[in-house]
Protein backbone atom coordinates (compact mmCIF):
# COMPACT_ATOMS: atom_id res chain seq x y z
CA UNK A 1 106.59 255.02 256.16
CA UNK A 2 105.85 258.50 258.67
CA UNK A 3 109.18 259.11 257.99
CA UNK A 4 108.88 258.94 254.33
CA UNK A 5 106.20 261.05 254.41
CA UNK A 6 108.20 263.82 256.45
CA UNK A 7 110.74 263.52 253.87
CA UNK A 8 108.53 264.23 251.07
CA UNK A 9 107.30 267.31 253.04
CA UNK A 10 111.05 268.46 253.47
CA UNK A 11 111.48 267.83 249.78
CA UNK A 12 108.94 270.20 248.58
CA UNK A 13 110.41 272.69 250.96
CA UNK A 14 113.93 272.29 249.70
CA UNK A 15 113.34 272.32 246.39
CA UNK A 16 111.17 275.69 246.68
CA UNK A 17 114.50 278.45 245.76
CA UNK A 18 112.74 281.20 247.81
CA UNK A 19 112.32 279.04 251.09
CA UNK A 20 114.56 279.82 253.69
CA UNK A 21 114.82 276.20 254.70
CA UNK A 22 116.66 275.59 252.04
CA UNK A 23 120.01 276.80 253.09
CA UNK A 24 119.68 274.74 256.65
CA UNK A 25 122.45 272.51 256.47
CA UNK A 26 120.50 269.49 258.43
CA UNK A 27 117.87 269.95 255.60
CA UNK A 28 120.23 269.71 252.75
CA UNK A 29 121.99 266.63 254.12
CA UNK A 30 118.42 265.21 254.81
CA UNK A 31 117.32 266.00 251.10
CA UNK A 32 120.75 264.30 249.71
CA UNK A 33 120.46 261.17 251.95
CA UNK A 34 116.83 261.15 250.48
CA UNK A 35 118.14 261.48 246.93
CA UNK A 36 120.46 258.71 247.07
CA UNK A 37 117.44 256.46 248.96
CA UNK A 38 115.37 257.36 245.91
CA UNK A 39 117.89 256.29 243.23
CA UNK A 40 118.77 253.28 245.69
CA UNK A 41 114.92 251.90 245.33
CA UNK A 42 113.86 253.37 242.38
CA UNK A 43 111.69 250.67 240.40
CA UNK A 44 112.47 249.38 237.38
CA UNK A 45 110.09 247.66 234.76
CA UNK A 46 110.96 245.05 232.08
CA UNK A 47 108.65 244.82 229.00
CA UNK A 48 108.42 241.90 226.54
CA UNK A 49 107.79 242.90 222.78
CA UNK A 50 106.89 239.29 220.38
CA UNK A 51 106.41 238.36 216.91
CA UNK A 52 102.71 237.55 217.26
CA UNK A 53 99.84 236.51 219.56
CA UNK A 54 98.69 233.18 218.44
CA UNK A 55 101.28 230.58 217.81
CA UNK A 56 100.79 226.56 216.63
CA UNK A 57 102.52 223.98 218.25
CA UNK A 58 106.10 223.63 216.98
CA UNK A 59 106.44 227.42 215.99
CA UNK A 60 109.12 229.57 217.71
CA UNK A 61 108.20 232.65 219.52
CA UNK A 62 110.84 235.36 218.93
CA UNK A 63 110.94 237.97 221.98
CA UNK A 64 112.72 241.10 222.79
CA UNK A 65 113.12 242.19 226.59
CA UNK A 66 113.44 245.92 227.58
CA UNK A 67 114.80 246.72 231.08
CA UNK A 68 113.69 250.36 232.02
CA UNK A 69 113.87 252.53 235.21
CA UNK A 70 110.19 253.08 235.83
CA UNK A 71 110.59 256.73 236.90
CA UNK A 72 112.98 257.99 233.72
CA UNK A 73 112.13 255.26 231.36
CA UNK A 74 115.53 255.06 230.35
CA UNK A 75 117.43 252.00 230.58
CA UNK A 76 117.86 250.43 234.02
CA UNK A 77 121.67 250.31 235.22
CA UNK A 78 120.47 247.95 237.91
CA UNK A 79 119.93 244.77 236.20
CA UNK A 80 121.45 243.26 233.32
CA UNK A 81 119.66 240.03 233.39
CA UNK A 82 116.14 239.33 232.53
CA UNK A 83 114.24 235.95 233.39
CA UNK A 84 111.91 235.08 230.73
CA UNK A 85 109.46 232.10 231.68
CA UNK A 86 106.72 230.11 229.27
CA UNK A 87 104.05 229.14 231.44
CA UNK A 88 101.48 226.32 229.90
CA UNK A 89 97.36 226.80 230.67
CA UNK A 90 97.90 225.27 233.89
CA UNK A 91 100.27 227.85 235.14
CA UNK A 92 103.17 224.88 235.40
CA UNK A 93 106.36 226.41 233.91
CA UNK A 94 107.05 224.50 230.61
CA UNK A 95 110.22 226.36 229.53
CA UNK A 96 112.28 229.64 230.95
CA UNK A 97 115.47 231.65 229.58
CA UNK A 98 117.91 233.87 230.99
CA UNK A 99 118.90 236.69 228.98
CA UNK A 100 121.63 238.95 229.22
CA UNK A 101 120.74 242.55 228.36
CA UNK A 102 122.74 245.61 226.83
CA UNK A 103 121.81 249.04 227.37
CA UNK A 104 118.29 247.77 228.54
CA UNK A 105 117.52 245.56 225.56
CA UNK A 106 118.39 241.77 225.05
CA UNK A 107 116.54 239.11 222.72
CA UNK A 108 115.75 235.46 223.05
CA UNK A 109 112.88 232.88 221.79
CA UNK A 110 111.35 229.91 222.91
CA UNK A 111 110.68 226.63 220.53
CA UNK A 112 106.99 225.13 221.50
CA UNK A 113 106.83 221.58 221.35
CA UNK A 114 105.34 219.96 218.55
CA UNK A 115 103.07 218.14 220.65
CA UNK A 116 102.34 221.35 222.73
CA UNK A 117 98.54 221.35 223.91
CA UNK A 118 96.15 223.99 222.94
CA UNK A 119 95.18 226.71 225.49
CA UNK A 120 96.29 230.42 226.75
CA UNK A 121 100.05 230.09 227.55
CA UNK A 122 101.80 233.18 229.50
CA UNK A 123 105.12 234.64 229.13
CA UNK A 124 106.22 235.93 232.58
CA UNK A 125 109.62 238.17 232.90
CA UNK A 126 111.20 239.86 235.57
CA UNK A 127 114.10 240.90 237.04
CA UNK A 128 116.17 239.71 240.43
CA UNK A 129 114.92 243.36 241.59
CA UNK A 130 111.39 242.87 240.45
CA UNK A 131 111.40 239.42 242.15
CA UNK A 132 112.05 241.16 245.44
CA UNK A 133 108.84 243.30 244.79
CA UNK A 134 106.60 240.49 243.56
CA UNK A 135 106.01 242.59 240.34
CA UNK A 136 106.41 240.94 236.82
CA UNK A 137 105.72 241.20 233.30
CA UNK A 138 102.95 238.82 232.31
CA UNK A 139 101.27 238.45 229.18
CA UNK A 140 98.97 235.87 227.40
CA UNK A 141 99.50 233.96 223.95
CA UNK A 142 97.37 231.38 222.40
CA UNK A 143 98.85 228.02 221.20
CA UNK A 144 96.53 226.31 219.07
CA UNK A 145 96.70 223.68 216.36
CA UNK A 146 94.73 224.90 213.11
CA UNK A 147 92.80 222.05 211.49
CA UNK A 148 91.70 222.88 208.17
CA UNK A 149 88.44 221.46 207.26
CA UNK A 150 88.57 218.76 204.58
CA UNK A 151 85.84 219.78 202.04
CA UNK A 152 85.21 217.83 198.47
CA UNK A 153 84.09 221.16 196.44
CA UNK A 154 82.52 220.27 192.76
CA UNK A 155 81.03 222.94 190.62
CA UNK A 156 79.05 222.23 187.34
CA UNK A 157 78.15 224.40 184.90
CA UNK A 158 74.84 224.43 182.56
CA UNK A 159 76.75 224.65 179.49
CA UNK A 160 80.34 223.76 178.21
CA UNK A 161 80.74 227.49 176.70
CA UNK A 162 79.37 231.09 177.27
CA UNK A 163 79.73 233.75 174.91
CA UNK A 164 80.65 237.17 175.74
CA UNK A 165 77.91 239.04 178.22
CA UNK A 166 76.24 235.96 178.45
CA UNK A 167 74.89 235.17 181.84
CA UNK A 168 76.93 231.89 183.60
CA UNK A 169 74.98 229.75 186.20
CA UNK A 170 76.23 226.66 187.94
CA UNK A 171 75.64 224.69 190.96
CA UNK A 172 78.27 224.42 193.72
CA UNK A 173 78.24 221.36 196.18
CA UNK A 174 80.34 221.07 199.35
CA UNK A 175 80.78 217.65 200.58
């Protein structure tokens, strides 16, 4: 860490065009090594974009994955494979898929079982580089079986017919 801090200080010195240190061969070599190390260790980020956040059991979760270099936001040149997991409300992996990215993009889907229990599920995505650092993309989605109420609606008008401009009155009952 101390060496990195010192290297960052040298980087600042080397980037100043007026600096006398920028012509020193040792500092130039050190700066080039630092840049190569930064390129090698620069982090990448995965982002998932999906069609909605509320699903019913049996529906399909459609998603797109984007792998980006964290510094430039350009497509990452490090990873072409994205691992995506669907975690149930208890945190266990329900399903997983492996997507192959082209130019930093991939697409895939999860089919929710018809008997999926309701609750807050998680979509988790990462690359092997991110797995080494423990930095993952995670986002919640809701899975709920929607039950429409069974109502019997009855409307009774006081009269059988009304003329233009007449006031209509009725009784509404819901059972």
